[in-house]
């Protein structure tokens, strides 16, 4: 089973193959185990999981438009639990949260 991720900005891989979309297969436990053998840090898994899911070498992700990459990265961070559902609920408040004015009196 796979899903198609349509790129907002098509690009060419190092081999010259033009990509307009990626076919992403569902990952299995063996994929996560293989990635964990490379790095035990969850923050390093994004490229590796995206590469395994898409069938592309990690180097081919470097030419992808940043907006497309960030959308894929967010998908995989939620999948792996790096980002919890309570994080980034309202990204307009920034990392420190909402700024509240306080009276100087």
PDB file of N, CA and C in Angstrom:
ATOM      1  N   UNK A   1       0.845  -1.168   0.000  1.00  0.00           N
ATOM      2  CA  UNK A   1       0.000   0.000   0.000  1.00  0.00           C
ATOM      3  C   UNK A   1       0.898   1.240   0.000  1.00  0.00           C
ATOM      4  N   UNK A   2       0.546   2.207  -0.829  1.00  0.00           N
ATOM      5  CA  UNK A   2       1.338   3.430  -0.892  1.00  0.00           C
ATOM      6  C   UNK A   2       0.431   4.622  -1.150  1.00  0.00           C
ATOM      7  N   UNK A   3       0.985   5.792  -0.924  1.00  0.00           N
ATOM      8  CA  UNK A   3       0.262   7.024  -1.211  1.00  0.00           C
ATOM      9  C   UNK A   3       1.161   7.897  -2.060  1.00  0.00           C
ATOM     10  N   UNK A   4       0.544   8.794  -2.802  1.00  0.00           N
ATOM     11  CA  UNK A   4       1.304   9.703  -3.649  1.00  0.00           C
ATOM     12  C   UNK A   4       1.377  11.066  -2.990  1.00  0.00           C
ATOM     13  N   UNK A   5       2.591  11.586  -2.882  1.00  0.00           N
ATOM     14  CA  UNK A   5       2.816  12.930  -2.361  1.00  0.00           C
ATOM     15  C   UNK A   5       3.203  13.794  -3.551  1.00  0.00           C
ATOM     16  N   UNK A   6       2.330  14.729  -3.912  1.00  0.00           N
ATOM     17  CA  UNK A   6       2.595  15.614  -5.037  1.00  0.00           C
ATOM     18  C   UNK A   6       3.474  16.770  -4.575  1.00  0.00           C
ATOM     19  N   UNK A   7       4.578  16.942  -5.249  1.00  0.00           N
ATOM     20  CA  UNK A   7       5.509  18.017  -4.916  1.00  0.00           C
ATOM     21  C   UNK A   7       4.958  19.347  -5.418  1.00  0.00           C
ATOM     22  N   UNK A   8       5.046  20.376  -4.611  1.00  0.00           N
ATOM     23  CA  UNK A   8       4.598  21.695  -5.061  1.00  0.00           C
ATOM     24  C   UNK A   8       5.594  22.283  -6.057  1.00  0.00           C
ATOM     25  N   UNK A   9       6.859  21.914  -5.922  1.00  0.00           N
ATOM     26  CA  UNK A   9       7.913  22.349  -6.839  1.00  0.00           C
ATOM     27  C   UNK A   9       8.668  21.101  -7.315  1.00  0.00           C
ATOM     28  N   UNK A  10       8.423  20.654  -8.561  1.00  0.00           N
ATOM     29  CA  UNK A  10       9.163  19.496  -9.076  1.00  0.00           C
ATOM     30  C   UNK A  10      10.669  19.791  -9.118  1.00  0.00           C
ATOM     31  N   UNK A  11      11.471  18.748  -9.034  1.00  0.00           N
ATOM     32  CA  UNK A  11      12.932  18.905  -9.094  1.00  0.00           C
ATOM     33  C   UNK A  11      13.550  17.667  -9.718  1.00  0.00           C
ATOM     34  N   UNK A  12      14.826  17.762 -10.042  1.00  0.00           N
ATOM     35  CA  UNK A  12      15.545  16.641 -10.641  1.00  0.00           C
ATOM     36  C   UNK A  12      16.527  16.058  -9.632  1.00  0.00           C
ATOM     37  N   UNK A  13      16.634  14.738  -9.637  1.00  0.00           N
ATOM     38  CA  UNK A  13      17.575  14.047  -8.759  1.00  0.00           C
ATOM     39  C   UNK A  13      18.987  14.197  -9.320  1.00  0.00           C
ATOM     40  N   UNK A  14      19.964  13.716  -8.574  1.00  0.00           N
ATOM     41  CA  UNK A  14      21.359  13.770  -9.019  1.00  0.00           C
ATOM     42  C   UNK A  14      21.549  12.995 -10.326  1.00  0.00           C
ATOM     43  N   UNK A  15      20.720  11.982 -10.549  1.00  0.00           N
ATOM     44  CA  UNK A  15      20.805  11.182 -11.775  1.00  0.00           C
ATOM     45  C   UNK A  15      20.053  11.827 -12.936  1.00  0.00           C
ATOM     46  N   UNK A  16      19.422  12.982 -12.683  1.00  0.00           N
ATOM     47  CA  UNK A  16      18.709  13.691 -13.739  1.00  0.00           C
ATOM     48  C   UNK A  16      17.257  13.290 -13.916  1.00  0.00           C
ATOM     49  N   UNK A  17      16.718  12.505 -13.003  1.00  0.00           N
ATOM     50  CA  UNK A  17      15.317  12.096 -13.080  1.00  0.00           C
ATOM     51  C   UNK A  17      14.452  13.207 -12.503  1.00  0.00           C
ATOM     52  N   UNK A  18      13.495  13.703 -13.315  1.00  0.00           N
ATOM     53  CA  UNK A  18      12.618  14.771 -12.838  1.00  0.00           C
ATOM     54  C   UNK A  18      11.496  14.161 -12.004  1.00  0.00           C
ATOM     55  N   UNK A  19      11.331  14.684 -10.797  1.00  0.00           N
ATOM     56  CA  UNK A  19      10.290  14.202  -9.891  1.00  0.00           C
ATOM     57  C   UNK A  19       9.202  15.257  -9.735  1.00  0.00           C
ATOM     58  N   UNK A  20       7.971  14.852  -9.984  1.00  0.00           N
ATOM     59  CA  UNK A  20       6.822  15.725  -9.764  1.00  0.00           C
ATOM     60  C   UNK A  20       6.001  15.239  -8.582  1.00  0.00           C
ATOM     61  N   UNK A  21       6.203  13.974  -8.235  1.00  0.00           N
ATOM     62  CA  UNK A  21       5.519  13.390  -7.079  1.00  0.00           C
ATOM     63  C   UNK A  21       6.374  12.241  -6.555  1.00  0.00           C
ATOM     64  N   UNK A  22       6.091  11.860  -5.327  1.00  0.00           N
ATOM     65  CA  UNK A  22       6.777  10.724  -4.713  1.00  0.00           C
ATOM     66  C   UNK A  22       5.743   9.675  -4.353  1.00  0.00           C
ATOM     67  N   UNK A  23       6.050   8.438  -4.642  1.00  0.00           N
ATOM     68  CA  UNK A  23       5.216   7.334  -4.203  1.00  0.00           C
ATOM     69  C   UNK A  23       5.777   6.870  -2.866  1.00  0.00           C
ATOM     70  N   UNK A  24       5.009   7.065  -1.813  1.00  0.00           N
ATOM     71  CA  UNK A  24       5.469   6.732  -0.464  1.00  0.00           C
ATOM     72  C   UNK A  24       4.829   5.430  -0.011  1.00  0.00           C
ATOM     73  N   UNK A  25       5.652   4.427   0.221  1.00  0.00           N
ATOM     74  CA  UNK A  25       5.113   3.166   0.735  1.00  0.00           C
ATOM     75  C   UNK A  25       4.997   3.255   2.247  1.00  0.00           C
ATOM     76  N   UNK A  26       4.086   2.474   2.791  1.00  0.00           N
ATOM     77  CA  UNK A  26       3.948   2.425   4.248  1.00  0.00           C
ATOM     78  C   UNK A  26       5.190   1.765   4.823  1.00  0.00           C
ATOM     79  N   UNK A  27       5.671   2.337   5.894  1.00  0.00           N
ATOM     80  CA  UNK A  27       6.864   1.797   6.535  1.00  0.00           C
ATOM     81  C   UNK A  27       6.498   0.637   7.449  1.00  0.00           C
ATOM     82  N   UNK A  28       7.471  -0.226   7.664  1.00  0.00           N
ATOM     83  CA  UNK A  28       7.296  -1.379   8.536  1.00  0.00           C
ATOM     84  C   UNK A  28       8.291  -1.284   9.689  1.00  0.00           C
ATOM     85  N   UNK A  29       8.121  -2.156  10.646  1.00  0.00           N
ATOM     86  CA  UNK A  29       9.011  -2.185  11.809  1.00  0.00           C
ATOM     87  C   UNK A  29      10.461  -2.338  11.359  1.00  0.00           C
ATOM     88  N   UNK A  30      10.697  -3.155  10.343  1.00  0.00           N
ATOM     89  CA  UNK A  30      12.075  -3.364   9.873  1.00  0.00           C
ATOM     90  C   UNK A  30      12.707  -2.064   9.383  1.00  0.00           C
ATOM     91  N   UNK A  31      11.896  -1.135   8.857  1.00  0.00           N
ATOM     92  CA  UNK A  31      12.431   0.152   8.412  1.00  0.00           C
ATOM     93  C   UNK A  31      12.937   0.968   9.601  1.00  0.00           C
ATOM     94  N   UNK A  32      12.148   1.005  10.653  1.00  0.00           N
ATOM     95  CA  UNK A  32      12.557   1.749  11.843  1.00  0.00           C
ATOM     96  C   UNK A  32      13.781   1.101  12.489  1.00  0.00           C
ATOM     97  N   UNK A  33      13.821  -0.222  12.515  1.00  0.00           N
ATOM     98  CA  UNK A  33      14.990  -0.917  13.071  1.00  0.00           C
ATOM     99  C   UNK A  33      16.249  -0.589  12.274  1.00  0.00           C
ATOM    100  N   UNK A  34      16.134  -0.563  10.962  1.00  0.00           N
ATOM    101  CA  UNK A  34      17.290  -0.254  10.119  1.00  0.00           C
ATOM    102  C   UNK A  34      17.774   1.170  10.359  1.00  0.00           C
ATOM    103  N   UNK A  35      16.842   2.101  10.511  1.00  0.00           N
ATOM    104  CA  UNK A  35      17.199   3.498  10.758  1.00  0.00           C
ATOM    105  C   UNK A  35      17.829   3.648  12.139  1.00  0.00           C
ATOM    106  N   UNK A  36      17.308   2.928  13.118  1.00  0.00           N
ATOM    107  CA  UNK A  36      17.865   2.994  14.478  1.00  0.00           C
ATOM    108  C   UNK A  36      19.288   2.444  14.541  1.00  0.00           C
ATOM    109  N   UNK A  37      19.632   1.518  13.644  1.00  0.00           N
ATOM    110  CA  UNK A  37      21.001   1.003  13.600  1.00  0.00           C
ATOM    111  C   UNK A  37      21.971   2.075  13.114  1.00  0.00           C
ATOM    112  N   UNK A  38      21.470   2.984  12.292  1.00  0.00           N
ATOM    113  CA  UNK A  38      22.305   4.068  11.766  1.00  0.00           C
ATOM    114  C   UNK A  38      22.464   5.167  12.807  1.00  0.00           C
ATOM    115  N   UNK A  39      21.359   5.505  13.496  1.00  0.00           N
ATOM    116  CA  UNK A  39      21.406   6.550  14.526  1.00  0.00           C
ATOM    117  C   UNK A  39      20.357   6.258  15.584  1.00  0.00           C
ATOM    118  N   UNK A  40      20.732   6.427  16.849  1.00  0.00           N
ATOM    119  CA  UNK A  40      19.767   6.232  17.925  1.00  0.00           C
ATOM    120  C   UNK A  40      19.051   7.532  18.281  1.00  0.00           C
ATOM    121  N   UNK A  41      19.380   8.614  17.579  1.00  0.00           N
ATOM    122  CA  UNK A  41      18.741   9.910  17.821  1.00  0.00           C
ATOM    123  C   UNK A  41      17.544  10.072  16.889  1.00  0.00           C
ATOM    124  N   UNK A  42      16.359  10.222  17.456  1.00  0.00           N
ATOM    125  CA  UNK A  42      15.140  10.326  16.654  1.00  0.00           C
ATOM    126  C   UNK A  42      15.172  11.510  15.697  1.00  0.00           C
ATOM    127  N   UNK A  43      15.862  12.574  16.080  1.00  0.00           N
ATOM    128  CA  UNK A  43      15.911  13.755  15.206  1.00  0.00           C
ATOM    129  C   UNK A  43      16.704  13.492  13.923  1.00  0.00           C
ATOM    130  N   UNK A  44      17.466  12.409  13.865  1.00  0.00           N
ATOM    131  CA  UNK A  44      18.219  12.051  12.661  1.00  0.00           C
ATOM    132  C   UNK A  44      17.434  11.148  11.712  1.00  0.00           C
ATOM    133  N   UNK A  45      16.270  10.702  12.121  1.00  0.00           N
ATOM    134  CA  UNK A  45      15.544   9.693  11.360  1.00  0.00           C
ATOM    135  C   UNK A  45      14.779  10.229  10.161  1.00  0.00           C
ATOM    136  N   UNK A  46      14.475  11.533  10.129  1.00  0.00           N
ATOM    137  CA  UNK A  46      13.605  12.073   9.084  1.00  0.00           C
ATOM    138  C   UNK A  46      14.081  11.714   7.678  1.00  0.00           C
ATOM    139  N   UNK A  47      15.305  12.116   7.339  1.00  0.00           N
ATOM    140  CA  UNK A  47      15.821  11.848   5.991  1.00  0.00           C
ATOM    141  C   UNK A  47      15.813  10.355   5.684  1.00  0.00           C
ATOM    142  N   UNK A  48      16.239   9.576   6.651  1.00  0.00           N
ATOM    143  CA  UNK A  48      16.349   8.136   6.426  1.00  0.00           C
ATOM    144  C   UNK A  48      14.989   7.480   6.220  1.00  0.00           C
ATOM    145  N   UNK A  49      13.999   7.876   7.006  1.00  0.00           N
ATOM    146  CA  UNK A  49      12.660   7.306   6.840  1.00  0.00           C
ATOM    147  C   UNK A  49      11.998   7.784   5.554  1.00  0.00           C
ATOM    148  N   UNK A  50      12.162   9.058   5.230  1.00  0.00           N
ATOM    149  CA  UNK A  50      11.611   9.573   3.973  1.00  0.00           C
ATOM    150  C   UNK A  50      12.258   8.839   2.798  1.00  0.00           C
ATOM    151  N   UNK A  51      13.575   8.651   2.868  1.00  0.00           N
ATOM    152  CA  UNK A  51      14.280   7.945   1.799  1.00  0.00           C
ATOM    153  C   UNK A  51      13.783   6.507   1.673  1.00  0.00           C
ATOM    154  N   UNK A  52      13.636   5.811   2.779  1.00  0.00           N
ATOM    155  CA  UNK A  52      13.162   4.422   2.731  1.00  0.00           C
ATOM    156  C   UNK A  52      11.741   4.345   2.195  1.00  0.00           C
ATOM    157  N   UNK A  53      10.903   5.275   2.598  1.00  0.00           N
ATOM    158  CA  UNK A  53       9.512   5.269   2.155  1.00  0.00           C
ATOM    159  C   UNK A  53       9.388   5.586   0.664  1.00  0.00           C
ATOM    160  N   UNK A  54      10.213   6.506   0.188  1.00  0.00           N
ATOM    161  CA  UNK A  54      10.124   6.939  -1.212  1.00  0.00           C
ATOM    162  C   UNK A  54      10.971   6.097  -2.163  1.00  0.00           C
ATOM    163  N   UNK A  55      11.929   5.350  -1.613  1.00  0.00           N
ATOM    164  CA  UNK A  55      12.828   4.576  -2.457  1.00  0.00           C
ATOM    165  C   UNK A  55      13.975   5.399  -3.026  1.00  0.00           C
ATOM    166  N   UNK A  56      14.095   6.648  -2.591  1.00  0.00           N
ATOM    167  CA  UNK A  56      15.177   7.521  -3.051  1.00  0.00           C
ATOM    168  C   UNK A  56      16.371   7.419  -2.109  1.00  0.00           C
ATOM    169  N   UNK A  57      17.582   7.591  -2.639  1.00  0.00           N
ATOM    170  CA  UNK A  57      18.723   7.704  -1.731  1.00  0.00           C
ATOM    171  C   UNK A  57      18.606   9.014  -0.950  1.00  0.00           C
ATOM    172  N   UNK A  58      19.060   9.058   0.292  1.00  0.00           N
ATOM    173  CA  UNK A  58      18.948  10.290   1.083  1.00  0.00           C
ATOM    174  C   UNK A  58      19.533  11.519   0.380  1.00  0.00           C
ATOM    175  N   UNK A  59      20.580  11.331  -0.420  1.00  0.00           N
ATOM    176  CA  UNK A  59      21.204  12.459  -1.124  1.00  0.00           C
ATOM    177  C   UNK A  59      20.245  13.118  -2.108  1.00  0.00           C
ATOM    178  N   UNK A  60      19.312  12.337  -2.673  1.00  0.00           N
ATOM    179  CA  UNK A  60      18.362  12.894  -3.640  1.00  0.00           C
ATOM    180  C   UNK A  60      17.331  13.802  -2.984  1.00  0.00           C
ATOM    181  N   UNK A  61      17.206  13.733  -1.681  1.00  0.00           N
ATOM    182  CA  UNK A  61      16.277  14.624  -0.983  1.00  0.00           C
ATOM    183  C   UNK A  61      16.825  16.047  -0.920  1.00  0.00           C
ATOM    184  N   UNK A  62      18.138  16.201  -1.075  1.00  0.00           N
ATOM    185  CA  UNK A  62      18.771  17.518  -0.958  1.00  0.00           C
ATOM    186  C   UNK A  62      18.283  18.522  -1.994  1.00  0.00           C
ATOM    187  N   UNK A  63      17.855  18.064  -3.158  1.00  0.00           N
ATOM    188  CA  UNK A  63      17.388  18.968  -4.205  1.00  0.00           C
ATOM    189  C   UNK A  63      15.922  19.342  -4.089  1.00  0.00           C
ATOM    190  N   UNK A  64      15.231  18.759  -3.120  1.00  0.00           N
ATOM    191  CA  UNK A  64      13.800  19.016  -2.944  1.00  0.00           C
ATOM    192  C   UNK A  64      13.560  20.421  -2.406  1.00  0.00           C
ATOM    193  N   UNK A  65      12.479  21.049  -2.864  1.00  0.00           N
ATOM    194  CA  UNK A  65      12.086  22.351  -2.334  1.00  0.00           C
ATOM    195  C   UNK A  65      11.850  22.231  -0.831  1.00  0.00           C
ATOM    196  N   UNK A  66      12.261  23.235  -0.089  1.00  0.00           N
ATOM    197  CA  UNK A  66      12.181  23.183   1.369  1.00  0.00           C
ATOM    198  C   UNK A  66      10.746  23.015   1.868  1.00  0.00           C
ATOM    199  N   UNK A  67       9.784  23.671   1.231  1.00  0.00           N
ATOM    200  CA  UNK A  67       8.385  23.542   1.666  1.00  0.00           C
ATOM    201  C   UNK A  67       7.904  22.097   1.532  1.00  0.00           C
ATOM    202  N   UNK A  68       8.269  21.445   0.438  1.00  0.00           N
ATOM    203  CA  UNK A  68       7.897  20.038   0.256  1.00  0.00           C
ATOM    204  C   UNK A  68       8.588  19.164   1.294  1.00  0.00           C
ATOM    205  N   UNK A  69       9.871  19.423   1.526  1.00  0.00           N
ATOM    206  CA  UNK A  69      10.617  18.634   2.504  1.00  0.00           C
ATOM    207  C   UNK A  69      10.023  18.789   3.903  1.00  0.00           C
ATOM    208  N   UNK A  70       9.698  20.021   4.277  1.00  0.00           N
ATOM    209  CA  UNK A  70       9.142  20.257   5.613  1.00  0.00           C
ATOM    210  C   UNK A  70       7.799  19.563   5.791  1.00  0.00           C
ATOM    211  N   UNK A  71       6.984  19.516   4.739  1.00  0.00           N
ATOM    212  CA  UNK A  71       5.705  18.802   4.814  1.00  0.00           C
ATOM    213  C   UNK A  71       5.941  17.307   5.030  1.00  0.00           C
ATOM    214  N   UNK A  72       6.894  16.740   4.311  1.00  0.00           N
ATOM    215  CA  UNK A  72       7.228  15.324   4.504  1.00  0.00           C
ATOM    216  C   UNK A  72       7.845  15.087   5.877  1.00  0.00           C
ATOM    217  N   UNK A  73       8.713  15.981   6.291  1.00  0.00           N
ATOM    218  CA  UNK A  73       9.364  15.855   7.595  1.00  0.00           C
ATOM    219  C   UNK A  73       8.327  15.855   8.714  1.00  0.00           C
ATOM    220  N   UNK A  74       7.376  16.765   8.640  1.00  0.00           N
ATOM    221  CA  UNK A  74       6.332  16.838   9.660  1.00  0.00           C
ATOM    222  C   UNK A  74       5.540  15.532   9.711  1.00  0.00           C
ATOM    223  N   UNK A  75       5.247  14.981   8.539  1.00  0.00           N
ATOM    224  CA  UNK A  75       4.517  13.709   8.466  1.00  0.00           C
ATOM    225  C   UNK A  75       5.287  12.605   9.192  1.00  0.00           C
ATOM    226  N   UNK A  76       6.586  12.520   8.950  1.00  0.00           N
ATOM    227  CA  UNK A  76       7.384  11.466   9.561  1.00  0.00           C
ATOM    228  C   UNK A  76       7.663  11.721  11.033  1.00  0.00           C
ATOM    229  N   UNK A  77       7.759  12.968  11.445  1.00  0.00           N
ATOM    230  CA  UNK A  77       7.944  13.263  12.867  1.00  0.00           C
ATOM    231  C   UNK A  77       6.711  12.853  13.663  1.00  0.00           C
ATOM    232  N   UNK A  78       5.533  13.068  13.113  1.00  0.00           N
ATOM    233  CA  UNK A  78       4.319  12.614  13.797  1.00  0.00           C
ATOM    234  C   UNK A  78       4.267  11.089  13.821  1.00  0.00           C
ATOM    235  N   UNK A  79       4.661  10.476  12.728  1.00  0.00           N
ATOM    236  CA  UNK A  79       4.661   9.020  12.628  1.00  0.00           C
ATOM    237  C   UNK A  79       5.580   8.390  13.664  1.00  0.00           C
ATOM    238  N   UNK A  80       6.758   8.981  13.875  1.00  0.00           N
ATOM    239  CA  UNK A  80       7.739   8.411  14.797  1.00  0.00           C
ATOM    240  C   UNK A  80       7.587   8.902  16.225  1.00  0.00           C
ATOM    241  N   UNK A  81       6.695   9.868  16.448  1.00  0.00           N
ATOM    242  CA  UNK A  81       6.477  10.371  17.793  1.00  0.00           C
ATOM    243  C   UNK A  81       7.461  11.430  18.222  1.00  0.00           C
ATOM    244  N   UNK A  82       8.293  11.935  17.289  1.00  0.00           N
ATOM    245  CA  UNK A  82       9.230  12.999  17.628  1.00  0.00           C
ATOM    246  C   UNK A  82       8.459  14.258  17.993  1.00  0.00           C
ATOM    247  N   UNK A  83       7.358  14.507  17.294  1.00  0.00           N
ATOM    248  CA  UNK A  83       6.502  15.655  17.578  1.00  0.00           C
ATOM    249  C   UNK A  83       5.190  15.115  18.113  1.00  0.00           C
ATOM    250  N   UNK A  84       4.784  15.576  19.268  1.00  0.00           N
ATOM    251  CA  UNK A  84       3.509  15.156  19.815  1.00  0.00           C
ATOM    252  C   UNK A  84       2.414  16.039  19.270  1.00  0.00           C
ATOM    253  N   UNK A  85       1.182  15.604  19.378  1.00  0.00           N
ATOM    254  CA  UNK A  85       0.068  16.361  18.815  1.00  0.00           C
ATOM    255  C   UNK A  85      -0.123  17.706  19.497  1.00  0.00           C
ATOM    256  N   UNK A  86       0.365  17.873  20.724  1.00  0.00           N
ATOM    257  CA  UNK A  86       0.204  19.151  21.415  1.00  0.00           C
ATOM    258  C   UNK A  86       1.229  20.181  20.959  1.00  0.00           C
ATOM    259  N   UNK A  87       2.310  19.731  20.328  1.00  0.00           N
ATOM    260  CA  UNK A  87       3.309  20.669  19.827  1.00  0.00           C
ATOM    261  C   UNK A  87       2.821  21.278  18.528  1.00  0.00           C
ATOM    262  N   UNK A  88       3.234  22.516  18.290  1.00  0.00           N
ATOM    263  CA  UNK A  88       2.928  23.224  17.052  1.00  0.00           C
ATOM    264  C   UNK A  88       1.440  23.383  16.800  1.00  0.00           C
ATOM    265  N   UNK A  89       0.620  23.402  17.847  1.00  0.00           N
ATOM    266  CA  UNK A  89      -0.807  23.631  17.654  1.00  0.00           C
ATOM    267  C   UNK A  89      -1.031  25.013  17.079  1.00  0.00           C
ATOM    268  N   UNK A  90      -0.343  26.001  17.639  1.00  0.00           N
ATOM    269  CA  UNK A  90      -0.443  27.362  17.139  1.00  0.00           C
ATOM    270  C   UNK A  90       0.965  27.889  16.967  1.00  0.00           C
ATOM    271  N   UNK A  91       1.495  27.716  15.762  1.00  0.00           N
ATOM    272  CA  UNK A  91       2.886  28.105  15.538  1.00  0.00           C
ATOM    273  C   UNK A  91       3.081  29.607  15.579  1.00  0.00           C
ATOM    274  N   UNK A  92       1.998  30.394  15.562  1.00  0.00           N
ATOM    275  CA  UNK A  92       2.149  31.848  15.587  1.00  0.00           C
ATOM    276  C   UNK A  92       2.592  32.361  16.950  1.00  0.00           C
ATOM    277  N   UNK A  93       2.499  31.546  17.989  1.00  0.00           N
ATOM    278  CA  UNK A  93       2.890  31.997  19.321  1.00  0.00           C
ATOM    279  C   UNK A  93       4.383  31.835  19.563  1.00  0.00           C
ATOM    280  N   UNK A  94       5.084  31.135  18.709  1.00  0.00           N
ATOM    281  CA  UNK A  94       6.525  30.986  18.856  1.00  0.00           C
ATOM    282  C   UNK A  94       6.897  29.923  19.867  1.00  0.00           C
ATOM    283  N   UNK A  95       8.184  29.698  19.991  1.00  0.00           N
ATOM    284  CA  UNK A  95       8.677  28.630  20.853  1.00  0.00           C
ATOM    285  C   UNK A  95       8.390  28.884  22.322  1.00  0.00           C
ATOM    286  N   UNK A  96       8.367  30.150  22.737  1.00  0.00           N
ATOM    287  CA  UNK A  96       8.160  30.465  24.150  1.00  0.00           C
ATOM    288  C   UNK A  96       6.689  30.571  24.507  1.00  0.00           C
ATOM    289  N   UNK A  97       5.814  30.536  23.535  1.00  0.00           N
ATOM    290  CA  UNK A  97       4.382  30.653  23.802  1.00  0.00           C
ATOM    291  C   UNK A  97       3.884  32.063  23.550  1.00  0.00           C
ATOM    292  N   UNK A  98       2.663  32.292  23.905  1.00  0.00           N
ATOM    293  CA  UNK A  98       2.022  33.580  23.663  1.00  0.00           C
ATOM    294  C   UNK A  98       2.571  34.648  24.598  1.00  0.00           C
ATOM    295  N   UNK A  99       2.771  35.854  24.064  1.00  0.00           N
ATOM    296  CA  UNK A  99       3.246  36.985  24.857  1.00  0.00           C
ATOM    297  C   UNK A  99       2.039  37.662  25.490  1.00  0.00           C
ATOM    298  N   UNK A 100       2.090  37.853  26.797  1.00  0.00           N
ATOM    299  CA  UNK A 100       1.001  38.476  27.539  1.00  0.00           C
ATOM    300  C   UNK A 100       1.528  39.759  28.154  1.00  0.00           C
ATOM    301  N   UNK A 101       0.817  40.869  27.917  1.00  0.00           N
ATOM    302  CA  UNK A 101       1.270  42.137  28.495  1.00  0.00           C
ATOM    303  C   UNK A 101       0.932  42.169  29.983  1.00  0.00           C
ATOM    304  N   UNK A 102       1.821  42.778  30.763  1.00  0.00           N
ATOM    305  CA  UNK A 102       1.662  42.870  32.210  1.00  0.00           C
ATOM    306  C   UNK A 102       1.748  44.341  32.599  1.00  0.00           C
ATOM    307  N   UNK A 103       0.856  44.767  33.448  1.00  0.00           N
ATOM    308  CA  UNK A 103       0.847  46.152  33.907  1.00  0.00           C
ATOM    309  C   UNK A 103       2.068  46.418  34.778  1.00  0.00           C
ATOM    310  N   UNK A 104       2.666  47.613  34.624  1.00  0.00           N
ATOM    311  CA  UNK A 104       3.842  47.983  35.406  1.00  0.00           C
ATOM    312  C   UNK A 104       3.465  48.556  36.761  1.00  0.00           C
ATOM    313  N   UNK A 105       2.192  48.697  37.062  1.00  0.00           N
ATOM    314  CA  UNK A 105       1.739  49.290  38.332  1.00  0.00           C
ATOM    315  C   UNK A 105       1.945  48.366  39.489  1.00  0.00           C
TER     316      UNK A 105
END
